[in-house]
Protein backbone atom coordinates (compact mmCIF):
# COMPACT_ATOMS: atom_id res chain seq x y z
CA UNK A 1 98.17 238.81 -32.44
CA UNK A 2 100.89 236.08 -30.51
CA UNK A 3 101.22 232.80 -29.72
CA UNK A 4 100.08 230.85 -26.50
CA UNK A 5 98.08 229.00 -24.35
CA UNK A 6 94.25 229.00 -24.91
CA UNK A 7 94.08 230.29 -20.79
CA UNK A 8 96.07 233.33 -21.63
CA UNK A 9 94.58 236.77 -22.15
CA UNK A 10 97.51 237.67 -24.30
CA UNK A 11 97.56 234.94 -26.52
CA UNK A 12 95.56 234.67 -29.93
CA UNK A 13 96.78 231.27 -31.68
CA UNK A 14 97.37 228.08 -29.63
CA UNK A 15 100.42 226.13 -30.08
CA UNK A 16 99.05 224.75 -33.49
CA UNK A 17 98.39 227.62 -34.92
CA UNK A 18 94.64 227.90 -34.92
CA UNK A 19 92.97 231.26 -33.83
CA UNK A 20 91.79 231.19 -30.47
CA UNK A 21 87.61 231.14 -30.66
CA UNK A 22 87.21 230.57 -34.39
CA UNK A 23 87.10 227.16 -35.49
CA UNK A 24 88.43 226.23 -38.91
CA UNK A 25 91.26 229.41 -38.65
CA UNK A 26 94.88 228.91 -38.03
CA UNK A 27 97.57 232.10 -38.67
CA UNK A 28 101.15 230.74 -39.78
CA UNK A 29 103.51 233.88 -40.30
CA UNK A 30 105.79 236.17 -37.96
CA UNK A 31 103.00 238.10 -36.29
CA UNK A 32 102.41 234.78 -34.03
CA UNK A 33 105.99 234.84 -32.62
CA UNK A 34 105.67 235.64 -28.77
CA UNK A 35 108.81 237.88 -28.68
CA UNK A 36 110.45 239.51 -31.29
CA UNK A 37 113.50 237.79 -32.90
CA UNK A 38 116.36 240.20 -33.65
CA UNK A 39 117.26 238.99 -36.86
CA UNK A 40 115.95 238.61 -40.36
CA UNK A 41 112.38 236.95 -40.34
CA UNK A 42 112.61 235.01 -43.75
CA UNK A 43 114.00 231.65 -41.94
CA UNK A 44 111.47 231.59 -39.03
CA UNK A 45 108.31 232.69 -40.70
CA UNK A 46 109.04 229.57 -43.32
CA UNK A 47 109.77 226.73 -40.38
CA UNK A 48 106.60 228.43 -39.00
CA UNK A 49 104.44 227.73 -42.07
CA UNK A 50 106.28 224.53 -42.08
CA UNK A 51 105.23 223.93 -38.44
CA UNK A 52 101.21 224.58 -39.19
CA UNK A 53 101.36 222.66 -42.43
CA UNK A 54 102.75 219.58 -40.60
CA UNK A 55 99.85 220.21 -37.51
CA UNK A 56 97.23 220.27 -40.91
CA UNK A 57 98.57 217.57 -42.15
CA UNK A 58 98.98 215.57 -38.63
CA UNK A 59 102.44 214.66 -39.35
CA UNK A 60 104.23 213.72 -36.18
CA UNK A 61 107.05 216.44 -35.37
CA UNK A 62 110.81 214.82 -35.56
CA UNK A 63 112.19 213.93 -32.61
CA UNK A 64 114.55 216.65 -30.83
CA UNK A 65 118.12 216.92 -31.74
CA UNK A 66 120.45 218.00 -28.75
CA UNK A 67 123.48 218.18 -31.14
CA UNK A 68 126.68 220.67 -30.14
CA UNK A 69 127.33 223.32 -33.07
CA UNK A 70 130.88 222.43 -34.67
CA UNK A 71 133.52 224.69 -33.55
CA UNK A 72 136.40 225.35 -35.52
CA UNK A 73 139.20 224.73 -33.01
CA UNK A 74 141.35 227.86 -34.95
CA UNK A 75 138.44 230.28 -35.54
CA UNK A 76 140.29 232.97 -34.14
CA UNK A 77 143.26 232.91 -36.60
CA UNK A 78 142.10 230.77 -39.81
CA UNK A 79 140.03 232.14 -42.88
CA UNK A 80 140.24 235.69 -41.76
């Protein structure tokens, strides 16, 4: 199972977590990830559920944030 466009033959759910070809059914877990994640699946799975809930409730998404992550200038020597 993976998420993708309805025209994609390998996709089972659309970007709003709706199962393609089945009305009224959504899947919101890590099985719909287009690529396997390398880390722990807890946080991405929670966010998938949160995003699906926003789609179900009709909430508008938050604006895109292009924030730059903080990097301590002495990261190589401090807190070691």
